């Protein structure tokens, strides 16, 4: 029986005060990663989440990869607010889920060069929502080259993981040149194949009463 996906990530702190961008429109599930442009050694995920709520900006998760702190602001069933400037489409509403993860770090210094404490927990939660662990648009490229780069609607439609700089209509340049191989997390173990029942003949032993099937105890 398939596991039930939780709208709220189990075991993480919740923050209040943010608004949502409305209903999700359905389609391929995806996750979008961006950076806060702040030092994860100086600020907490809780502090960033509070700032987002005060400014009526939204993300689903705020994550500090240095210490593993995760704060959730929105359930997975809600869209993050505000469409990119200059576009008529709110891409945050596209998909069965479109989870936005804000990572404490700077786009100029890829956060994948350091510890990624808590990443596997986030990926497992996204797994439960059907977000595949692949990056259709490839690795995000570093600034400033990411700014004029076109964002592909075709790749976006496939679902999966994206940097904010790869979202159609976005003018953001984060999260920078992160290592998407590390972002795939620990390898998911494949299920063991079921072993067919043995068809080899059972060993036998002989006694004065004749031939009997082998047993785990010695004959009396």
Protein backbone atom coordinates (compact mmCIF):
# COMPACT_ATOMS: atom_id res chain seq x y z
CA UNK A 1 0.00 0.00 0.00
CA UNK A 2 1.46 3.41 -0.97
CA UNK A 3 2.43 5.81 1.82
CA UNK A 4 0.16 8.77 2.38
CA UNK A 5 1.87 12.10 1.65
CA UNK A 6 1.80 14.65 4.46
CA UNK A 7 1.07 18.25 3.56
CA UNK A 8 3.29 19.25 6.48
CA UNK A 9 6.74 17.70 6.65
CA UNK A 10 6.85 15.48 9.75
CA UNK A 11 9.07 16.54 12.61
CA UNK A 12 9.94 20.08 11.49
CA UNK A 13 9.06 23.44 13.00
CA UNK A 14 6.13 25.35 11.54
CA UNK A 15 5.96 29.11 11.07
CA UNK A 16 2.82 31.20 10.67
CA UNK A 17 2.01 34.50 9.05
CA UNK A 18 2.55 33.93 5.33
CA UNK A 19 -0.06 34.16 2.57
CA UNK A 20 -0.58 31.66 -0.21
CA UNK A 21 -0.75 32.12 -3.93
CA UNK A 22 -3.99 30.26 -4.34
CA UNK A 23 -4.82 26.80 -5.57
CA UNK A 24 -2.47 24.55 -7.45
CA UNK A 25 -3.56 23.82 -11.02
CA UNK A 26 -2.28 20.25 -11.24
CA UNK A 27 0.34 18.67 -13.46
CA UNK A 28 3.81 17.27 -12.94
CA UNK A 29 5.05 17.75 -9.35
CA UNK A 30 8.20 19.79 -8.84
CA UNK A 31 10.48 21.49 -6.33
CA UNK A 32 12.24 24.82 -6.77
CA UNK A 33 15.45 25.68 -4.91
CA UNK A 34 16.66 29.20 -4.16
CA UNK A 35 19.11 30.90 -1.81
CA UNK A 36 18.47 33.54 0.83
CA UNK A 37 21.74 35.40 0.11
CA UNK A 38 22.56 35.24 3.81
CA UNK A 39 25.17 33.47 5.93
CA UNK A 40 23.89 30.16 7.38
CA UNK A 41 26.39 30.52 10.24
CA UNK A 42 24.93 33.86 11.30
CA UNK A 43 21.18 33.49 10.72
CA UNK A 44 18.70 30.77 11.56
CA UNK A 45 16.01 29.27 9.37
CA UNK A 46 13.49 30.50 11.92
CA UNK A 47 14.68 34.10 11.54
CA UNK A 48 14.42 33.93 7.74
CA UNK A 49 10.95 32.37 7.96
CA UNK A 50 9.82 35.19 10.23
CA UNK A 51 11.09 37.80 7.75
CA UNK A 52 9.22 36.11 4.91
CA UNK A 53 6.01 36.13 6.90
CA UNK A 54 6.37 39.79 7.83
CA UNK A 55 6.96 40.74 4.18
CA UNK A 56 4.12 38.53 2.91
CA UNK A 57 6.57 36.53 0.83
CA UNK A 58 6.27 32.78 0.80
CA UNK A 59 8.21 29.59 0.53
CA UNK A 60 7.29 26.16 1.71
CA UNK A 61 10.55 25.34 3.48
CA UNK A 62 13.47 27.34 4.83
CA UNK A 63 16.52 25.13 5.31
CA UNK A 64 19.89 25.70 6.94
CA UNK A 65 22.18 23.04 5.43
CA UNK A 66 24.95 23.73 7.95
CA UNK A 67 23.00 22.60 11.02
CA UNK A 68 19.97 20.87 9.48
CA UNK A 69 17.35 23.32 10.79
CA UNK A 70 14.15 23.21 8.70
CA UNK A 71 11.13 25.49 9.11
CA UNK A 72 7.93 25.05 7.10
CA UNK A 73 5.71 28.00 6.27
CA UNK A 74 3.15 26.52 3.87
CA UNK A 75 1.64 23.08 3.35
CA UNK A 76 2.60 21.29 0.15
CA UNK A 77 -1.01 21.61 -1.00
CA UNK A 78 -0.75 25.43 -1.22
CA UNK A 79 1.07 27.50 -3.83
CA UNK A 80 3.85 29.91 -2.88
CA UNK A 81 2.87 33.51 -3.47
CA UNK A 82 3.81 36.10 -6.11
CA UNK A 83 4.39 35.44 -9.77
CA UNK A 84 7.61 36.65 -11.41
CA UNK A 85 7.59 40.26 -12.51
CA UNK A 86 6.56 40.90 -16.10
CA UNK A 87 4.71 37.62 -16.59
CA UNK A 88 1.02 36.80 -16.75
CA UNK A 89 1.47 33.24 -15.46
CA UNK A 90 2.04 32.35 -11.84
CA UNK A 91 4.36 29.39 -12.27
CA UNK A 92 4.20 28.70 -8.54
CA UNK A 93 0.68 27.37 -9.12
CA UNK A 94 1.77 24.84 -11.73
CA UNK A 95 1.90 21.18 -10.72
CA UNK A 96 0.28 18.78 -8.32
CA UNK A 97 2.77 20.33 -5.91
CA UNK A 98 5.33 23.06 -6.52
CA UNK A 99 7.43 23.15 -3.36
CA UNK A 100 9.72 26.15 -2.99
CA UNK A 101 12.77 25.58 -0.77
CA UNK A 102 14.80 28.55 0.43
CA UNK A 103 18.33 27.55 1.41
CA UNK A 104 20.42 29.71 3.71
CA UNK A 105 23.43 30.56 1.57
CA UNK A 106 24.78 32.73 -1.24
CA UNK A 107 24.37 32.00 -4.95
CA UNK A 108 27.99 33.07 -5.50
CA UNK A 109 29.18 30.32 -3.14
CA UNK A 110 27.24 27.12 -3.97
CA UNK A 111 25.83 25.63 -0.79
CA UNK A 112 26.55 22.13 -2.09
CA UNK A 113 30.24 22.80 -1.39
CA UNK A 114 29.46 22.48 2.31
CA UNK A 115 27.42 20.17 4.56
CA UNK A 116 23.91 19.24 3.48
CA UNK A 117 22.48 18.22 6.82
CA UNK A 118 18.78 17.45 6.49
CA UNK A 119 18.75 17.12 2.69
CA UNK A 120 17.73 13.47 2.73
CA UNK A 121 14.76 14.28 4.99
CA UNK A 122 13.57 16.92 2.54
CA UNK A 123 14.03 14.65 -0.47
CA UNK A 124 12.16 11.80 1.18
CA UNK A 125 9.23 14.14 1.86
CA UNK A 126 9.30 15.33 -1.75
CA UNK A 127 9.48 11.67 -2.84
CA UNK A 128 6.19 11.08 -1.04
CA UNK A 129 4.61 13.77 -3.25
CA UNK A 130 5.95 12.15 -6.40
CA UNK A 131 8.67 14.72 -7.15
CA UNK A 132 11.26 12.73 -9.14
CA UNK A 133 14.91 13.17 -8.21
CA UNK A 134 16.04 14.55 -11.54
CA UNK A 135 16.86 18.02 -12.85
CA UNK A 136 15.36 18.37 -16.36
CA UNK A 137 17.10 21.70 -17.01
CA UNK A 138 20.46 20.38 -15.83
CA UNK A 139 22.72 22.19 -13.40
CA UNK A 140 21.88 25.82 -12.62
CA UNK A 141 24.63 28.06 -13.94
CA UNK A 142 26.45 30.73 -11.92
CA UNK A 143 25.69 34.42 -12.02
CA UNK A 144 25.79 36.62 -14.00
CA UNK A 145 25.45 34.14 -16.89
CA UNK A 146 22.18 32.85 -15.40
CA UNK A 147 20.43 36.21 -15.80
CA UNK A 148 19.94 36.33 -19.60
CA UNK A 149 19.54 32.58 -20.00
CA UNK A 150 16.13 31.56 -21.39
CA UNK A 151 13.91 29.43 -19.15
CA UNK A 152 12.37 26.45 -20.90
CA UNK A 153 8.63 25.92 -20.48
CA UNK A 154 9.01 22.47 -22.06
CA UNK A 155 11.53 21.34 -19.44
CA UNK A 156 9.49 22.93 -16.66
CA UNK A 157 6.47 20.89 -17.74
CA UNK A 158 8.36 17.65 -17.05
CA UNK A 159 8.41 18.23 -13.29
CA UNK A 160 11.32 17.36 -11.02
CA UNK A 161 13.82 19.72 -9.40
CA UNK A 162 14.77 23.20 -10.62
CA UNK A 163 16.79 26.17 -9.50
CA UNK A 164 14.86 29.41 -9.20
CA UNK A 165 16.95 30.73 -12.10
CA UNK A 166 15.47 27.96 -14.30
CA UNK A 167 11.81 28.83 -13.66
CA UNK A 168 10.05 30.33 -16.71
CA UNK A 169 9.64 34.07 -16.28
CA UNK A 170 11.94 34.29 -13.27
CA UNK A 171 14.61 36.98 -13.15
CA UNK A 172 16.38 35.43 -10.17
CA UNK A 173 19.97 34.23 -10.45
CA UNK A 174 19.96 31.78 -7.53
CA UNK A 175 20.76 29.22 -6.32
CA UNK A 176 24.01 29.44 -8.30
CA UNK A 177 26.12 26.60 -9.66
CA UNK A 178 25.06 23.92 -7.20
CA UNK A 179 26.09 20.29 -7.64
CA UNK A 180 22.92 18.47 -8.67
CA UNK A 181 24.53 15.08 -8.11
CA UNK A 182 24.82 15.90 -4.41
CA UNK A 183 21.30 17.30 -4.52
CA UNK A 184 19.94 13.89 -5.47
CA UNK A 185 20.79 12.73 -1.96
CA UNK A 186 21.57 9.23 -0.84
CA UNK A 187 20.86 6.50 -3.34
CA UNK A 188 17.43 4.93 -2.97
CA UNK A 189 17.91 1.19 -2.40
CA UNK A 190 16.21 -1.00 -4.94
CA UNK A 191 13.74 -3.55 -3.62
CA UNK A 192 15.20 -7.01 -3.30
CA UNK A 193 13.86 -9.49 -5.87
CA UNK A 194 11.62 -12.15 -4.44
CA UNK A 195 13.30 -15.53 -4.26
CA UNK A 196 11.50 -18.39 -5.97
CA UNK A 197 10.83 -21.43 -3.80
CA UNK A 198 13.50 -24.09 -4.07
CA UNK A 199 12.75 -26.93 -6.49
CA UNK A 200 15.72 -29.10 -5.48
CA UNK A 201 14.83 -32.47 -3.90
CA UNK A 202 14.90 -32.69 -0.12
CA UNK A 203 17.76 -34.71 1.36
CA UNK A 204 16.76 -38.03 2.90
CA UNK A 205 18.13 -40.28 5.60
CA UNK A 206 17.71 -43.96 6.05
CA UNK A 207 16.79 -45.92 9.15
CA UNK A 208 15.71 -49.41 9.99
CA UNK A 209 12.11 -48.25 9.29
CA UNK A 210 12.93 -47.25 5.71
CA UNK A 211 13.57 -43.96 3.90
CA UNK A 212 12.16 -40.76 5.46
CA UNK A 213 12.26 -37.05 4.53
CA UNK A 214 15.05 -35.06 6.14
CA UNK A 215 14.12 -33.37 9.41
CA UNK A 216 15.88 -30.76 11.48
CA UNK A 217 16.28 -33.16 14.39
CA UNK A 218 18.17 -36.40 14.40
CA UNK A 219 16.19 -39.66 14.22
CA UNK A 220 15.58 -41.40 17.52
